[in-house]
C-alpha atoms as a PDB file:
ATOM      1  CA  MET A   1     159.803 207.890 220.414  1.00  0.00           C
ATOM      2  CA  ASN A   2     157.800 209.725 217.788  1.00  0.00           C
ATOM      3  CA  LYS A   3     155.725 212.626 219.033  1.00  0.00           C
ATOM      4  CA  VAL A   4     152.023 212.497 218.215  1.00  0.00           C
ATOM      5  CA  PRO A   5     150.653 215.954 217.329  1.00  0.00           C
ATOM      6  CA  MET A   6     147.180 216.752 218.608  1.00  0.00           C
ATOM      7  CA  THR A   7     145.031 219.665 219.606  1.00  0.00           C
ATOM      8  CA  SER A   8     144.304 220.368 223.263  1.00  0.00           C
ATOM      9  CA  GLU A   9     140.672 219.422 222.537  1.00  0.00           C
ATOM     10  CA  GLY A  10     141.744 216.042 221.127  1.00  0.00           C
ATOM     11  CA  TYR A  11     144.058 215.454 224.097  1.00  0.00           C
ATOM     12  CA  ALA A  12     141.192 216.140 226.524  1.00  0.00           C
ATOM     13  CA  GLU A  13     138.920 213.699 224.643  1.00  0.00           C
ATOM     14  CA  LEU A  14     141.535 210.941 224.853  1.00  0.00           C
ATOM     15  CA  GLU A  15     142.095 211.641 228.551  1.00  0.00           C
ATOM     16  CA  ALA A  16     138.337 211.399 229.148  1.00  0.00           C
ATOM     17  CA  GLU A  17     138.173 208.081 227.292  1.00  0.00           C
ATOM     18  CA  LEU A  18     141.121 206.718 229.295  1.00  0.00           C
ATOM     19  CA  LYS A  19     139.493 207.798 232.561  1.00  0.00           C
ATOM     20  CA  ARG A  20     136.205 206.117 231.553  1.00  0.00           C
ATOM     21  CA  LEU A  21     137.979 202.885 230.597  1.00  0.00           C
ATOM     22  CA  LYS A  22     139.849 202.769 233.904  1.00  0.00           C
ATOM     23  CA  GLN A  23     137.141 203.984 236.276  1.00  0.00           C
ATOM     24  CA  VAL A  24     133.956 202.647 234.678  1.00  0.00           C
ATOM     25  CA  GLU A  25     134.719 199.829 232.246  1.00  0.00           C
ATOM     26  CA  ARG A  26     137.491 198.104 234.216  1.00  0.00           C
ATOM     27  CA  PRO A  27     135.369 197.680 237.396  1.00  0.00           C
ATOM     28  CA  ARG A  28     132.319 196.627 235.339  1.00  0.00           C
ATOM     29  CA  ILE A  29     134.351 193.946 233.564  1.00  0.00           C
ATOM     30  CA  LEU A  30     135.910 192.712 236.808  1.00  0.00           C
ATOM     31  CA  GLN A  31     132.417 192.411 238.291  1.00  0.00           C
ATOM     32  CA  ALA A  32     131.274 190.406 235.231  1.00  0.00           C
ATOM     33  CA  ILE A  33     134.288 188.076 235.592  1.00  0.00           C
ATOM     34  CA  SER A  34     133.561 187.606 239.284  1.00  0.00           C
ATOM     35  CA  GLU A  35     129.897 186.796 238.614  1.00  0.00           C
ATOM     36  CA  ALA A  36     130.827 184.371 235.826  1.00  0.00           C
ATOM     37  CA  ARG A  37     133.334 182.585 238.091  1.00  0.00           C
ATOM     38  CA  ALA A  38     130.550 182.022 240.605  1.00  0.00           C
ATOM     39  CA  HIS A  39     128.687 179.954 237.996  1.00  0.00           C
ATOM     40  CA  GLY A  40     131.208 177.130 238.324  1.00  0.00           C
ATOM     41  CA  ASP A  41     133.155 175.307 235.598  1.00  0.00           C
ATOM     42  CA  LEU A  42     135.174 177.934 233.720  1.00  0.00           C
ATOM     43  CA  SER A  43     136.053 175.703 230.750  1.00  0.00           C
ATOM     44  CA  GLU A  44     132.497 175.830 229.378  1.00  0.00           C
ATOM     45  CA  ASN A  45     131.426 179.171 230.828  1.00  0.00           C
ATOM     46  CA  ALA A  46     130.603 181.511 227.925  1.00  0.00           C
ATOM     47  CA  GLU A  47     130.001 184.515 230.195  1.00  0.00           C
ATOM     48  CA  TYR A  48     133.453 184.092 231.736  1.00  0.00           C
ATOM     49  CA  HIS A  49     135.184 183.850 228.360  1.00  0.00           C
ATOM     50  CA  ALA A  50     133.271 186.867 227.015  1.00  0.00           C
ATOM     51  CA  ALA A  51     134.180 188.920 230.077  1.00  0.00           C
ATOM     52  CA  LYS A  52     137.849 187.896 229.814  1.00  0.00           C
ATOM     53  CA  GLU A  53     137.854 188.894 226.132  1.00  0.00           C
ATOM     54  CA  ALA A  54     136.283 192.258 227.003  1.00  0.00           C
ATOM     55  CA  GLN A  55     138.951 192.701 229.668  1.00  0.00           C
ATOM     56  CA  GLY A  56     141.708 192.040 227.140  1.00  0.00           C
ATOM     57  CA  MET A  57     140.272 194.538 224.654  1.00  0.00           C
ATOM     58  CA  ASN A  58     139.783 197.161 227.371  1.00  0.00           C
ATOM     59  CA  GLU A  59     143.342 196.770 228.672  1.00  0.00           C
ATOM     60  CA  ALA A  60     144.754 196.948 225.135  1.00  0.00           C
ATOM     61  CA  ARG A  61     142.899 200.221 224.516  1.00  0.00           C
ATOM     62  CA  VAL A  62     144.106 201.572 227.893  1.00  0.00           C
ATOM     63  CA  ALA A  63     147.706 200.753 226.938  1.00  0.00           C
ATOM     64  CA  GLU A  64     147.271 202.357 223.498  1.00  0.00           C
ATOM     65  CA  LEU A  65     145.803 205.549 224.961  1.00  0.00           C
ATOM     66  CA  GLU A  66     148.506 205.775 227.641  1.00  0.00           C
ATOM     67  CA  ASP A  67     151.144 205.424 224.929  1.00  0.00           C
ATOM     68  CA  LYS A  68     149.573 208.087 222.687  1.00  0.00           C
ATOM     69  CA  LEU A  69     149.019 210.507 225.559  1.00  0.00           C
ATOM     70  CA  GLY A  70     152.583 209.938 226.759  1.00  0.00           C
ATOM     71  CA  ARG A  71     153.933 210.828 223.307  1.00  0.00           C
ATOM     72  CA  ALA A  72     151.457 213.657 222.671  1.00  0.00           C
ATOM     73  CA  GLU A  73     152.688 216.984 221.438  1.00  0.00           C
ATOM     74  CA  VAL A  74     149.759 219.229 222.311  1.00  0.00           C
ATOM     75  CA  ILE A  75     149.471 222.213 220.019  1.00  0.00           C
ATOM     76  CA  ASP A  76     147.333 225.084 221.279  1.00  0.00           C
ATOM     77  CA  ILE A  77     145.592 226.189 218.100  1.00  0.00           C
ATOM     78  CA  SER A  78     144.222 229.312 219.797  1.00  0.00           C
ATOM     79  CA  LYS A  79     147.765 230.714 219.736  1.00  0.00           C
ATOM     80  CA  LEU A  80     148.320 230.008 216.044  1.00  0.00           C
ATOM     81  CA  ASP A  81     147.824 232.505 213.268  1.00  0.00           C
ATOM     82  CA  GLY A  82     149.160 233.320 209.856  1.00  0.00           C
ATOM     83  CA  ASP A  83     148.172 233.211 206.240  1.00  0.00           C
ATOM     84  CA  THR A  84     149.387 229.709 205.373  1.00  0.00           C
ATOM     85  CA  VAL A  85     147.794 226.371 206.118  1.00  0.00           C
ATOM     86  CA  THR A  86     149.402 224.566 209.070  1.00  0.00           C
ATOM     87  CA  PHE A  87     148.375 222.025 211.690  1.00  0.00           C
ATOM     88  CA  GLY A  88     145.270 223.272 213.494  1.00  0.00           C
ATOM     89  CA  ALA A  89     144.089 225.529 210.666  1.00  0.00           C
ATOM     90  CA  MET A  90     140.458 225.624 209.651  1.00  0.00           C
ATOM     91  CA  VAL A  91     140.451 225.721 205.864  1.00  0.00           C
ATOM     92  CA  LYS A  92     137.492 226.631 203.651  1.00  0.00           C
ATOM     93  CA  LEU A  93     137.764 224.964 200.258  1.00  0.00           C
ATOM     94  CA  LEU A  94     135.869 225.165 196.998  1.00  0.00           C
ATOM     95  CA  ASP A  95     135.593 221.860 195.154  1.00  0.00           C
ATOM     96  CA  GLU A  96     136.347 222.753 191.516  1.00  0.00           C
ATOM     97  CA  ASP A  97     134.175 219.940 190.152  1.00  0.00           C
ATOM     98  CA  THR A  98     131.020 220.344 192.226  1.00  0.00           C
ATOM     99  CA  GLU A  99     131.379 224.043 193.212  1.00  0.00           C
ATOM    100  CA  GLU A 100     130.635 222.826 196.747  1.00  0.00           C
ATOM    101  CA  GLU A 101     132.281 224.602 199.683  1.00  0.00           C
ATOM    102  CA  ARG A 102     133.797 222.492 202.465  1.00  0.00           C
ATOM    103  CA  VAL A 103     135.434 223.422 205.744  1.00  0.00           C
ATOM    104  CA  TYR A 104     138.038 221.202 207.383  1.00  0.00           C
ATOM    105  CA  ARG A 105     140.214 221.549 210.466  1.00  0.00           C
ATOM    106  CA  ILE A 106     143.603 219.854 210.234  1.00  0.00           C
ATOM    107  CA  VAL A 107     144.124 217.764 213.382  1.00  0.00           C
ATOM    108  CA  GLY A 108     146.178 214.829 214.641  1.00  0.00           C
ATOM    109  CA  ASP A 109     145.634 211.292 213.386  1.00  0.00           C
ATOM    110  CA  LEU A 110     143.747 210.202 216.508  1.00  0.00           C
ATOM    111  CA  GLU A 111     141.300 213.112 216.293  1.00  0.00           C
ATOM    112  CA  ALA A 112     140.326 212.772 212.641  1.00  0.00           C
ATOM    113  CA  ASP A 113     136.593 212.681 211.941  1.00  0.00           C
ATOM    114  CA  VAL A 114     135.790 213.560 208.330  1.00  0.00           C
ATOM    115  CA  LYS A 115     132.040 213.758 208.981  1.00  0.00           C
ATOM    116  CA  GLY A 116     132.815 216.168 211.829  1.00  0.00           C
ATOM    117  CA  GLY A 117     134.998 218.299 209.567  1.00  0.00           C
ATOM    118  CA  LYS A 118     138.315 217.170 211.063  1.00  0.00           C
ATOM    119  CA  ILE A 119     140.950 215.685 208.750  1.00  0.00           C
ATOM    120  CA  SER A 120     144.191 214.027 209.759  1.00  0.00           C
ATOM    121  CA  VAL A 121     147.404 215.959 209.218  1.00  0.00           C
ATOM    122  CA  SER A 122     148.716 212.870 207.423  1.00  0.00           C
ATOM    123  CA  SER A 123     145.737 212.568 205.039  1.00  0.00           C
ATOM    124  CA  PRO A 124     146.326 213.264 201.323  1.00  0.00           C
ATOM    125  CA  ILE A 125     144.190 216.410 201.360  1.00  0.00           C
ATOM    126  CA  ALA A 126     145.929 217.866 204.440  1.00  0.00           C
ATOM    127  CA  ARG A 127     149.372 217.102 203.015  1.00  0.00           C
ATOM    128  CA  ALA A 128     148.377 218.923 199.816  1.00  0.00           C
ATOM    129  CA  LEU A 129     147.092 221.938 201.777  1.00  0.00           C
ATOM    130  CA  ILE A 130     150.002 222.427 204.208  1.00  0.00           C
ATOM    131  CA  GLY A 131     151.991 225.541 203.340  1.00  0.00           C
ATOM    132  CA  LYS A 132     149.421 226.906 200.877  1.00  0.00           C
ATOM    133  CA  LYS A 133     147.701 230.326 201.037  1.00  0.00           C
ATOM    134  CA  ILE A 134     144.259 231.771 200.284  1.00  0.00           C
ATOM    135  CA  GLY A 135     143.662 231.718 196.539  1.00  0.00           C
ATOM    136  CA  ASP A 136     145.988 228.766 195.911  1.00  0.00           C
ATOM    137  CA  PHE A 137     144.739 225.735 194.013  1.00  0.00           C
ATOM    138  CA  VAL A 138     145.606 222.205 195.099  1.00  0.00           C
ATOM    139  CA  GLU A 139     145.094 218.861 193.437  1.00  0.00           C
ATOM    140  CA  VAL A 140     144.535 215.866 195.689  1.00  0.00           C
ATOM    141  CA  SER A 141     144.894 212.261 194.610  1.00  0.00           C
ATOM    142  CA  ALA A 142     141.957 210.467 196.168  1.00  0.00           C
ATOM    143  CA  PRO A 143     140.670 206.897 195.827  1.00  0.00           C
ATOM    144  CA  GLY A 144     137.928 208.176 193.494  1.00  0.00           C
ATOM    145  CA  GLY A 145     140.436 210.065 191.324  1.00  0.00           C
ATOM    146  CA  ALA A 146     142.127 213.447 191.440  1.00  0.00           C
ATOM    147  CA  ARG A 147     140.138 216.316 192.965  1.00  0.00           C
ATOM    148  CA  GLY A 148     140.907 220.027 192.640  1.00  0.00           C
ATOM    149  CA  TYR A 149     140.263 222.583 195.365  1.00  0.00           C
ATOM    150  CA  GLU A 150     140.686 226.334 195.719  1.00  0.00           C
ATOM    151  CA  ILE A 151     141.534 227.678 199.186  1.00  0.00           C
ATOM    152  CA  LEU A 152     138.923 230.314 200.056  1.00  0.00           C
ATOM    153  CA  ASP A 153     139.799 231.038 203.694  1.00  0.00           C
ATOM    154  CA  ILE A 154     142.200 230.037 206.465  1.00  0.00           C
ATOM    155  CA  ARG A 155     141.350 230.556 210.130  1.00  0.00           C
ATOM    156  CA  PHE A 156     142.844 229.536 213.444  1.00  0.00           C
ATOM    157  CA  GLY A 157     141.395 229.219 216.920  1.00  0.00           C
END
């Protein structure tokens, strides 16, 4: 079983989603199925089929979350420090082409949210940054072509 690295914040978010799916969505869907059954003939009952489909999707997501949480390797980023980029680091970059500064936190695959400034540890940019120090230059192969970045700052916590 492969461990899934994630921050304690990401782990808590997944736990909250799992709790919501089990305690809110599951009963709501069961109620919808029960109401649809009361309408009679199930073979042509669109509400019943929609509720059963929602149930299947909900249970699949519950199983996926239980699997990921069971394999989670929670890394407390508040206890990390150092001068090289690792999992959990917040990295300030300077885009060499646009002179634009960007800040990213390197997180687990399930936590990634580029718009929120969180990039997956397995993303091309994170893989290029891992092990580098302030002042280093990295080149990242991206779908739009190669991009160059200078590491301006590395922070943890």
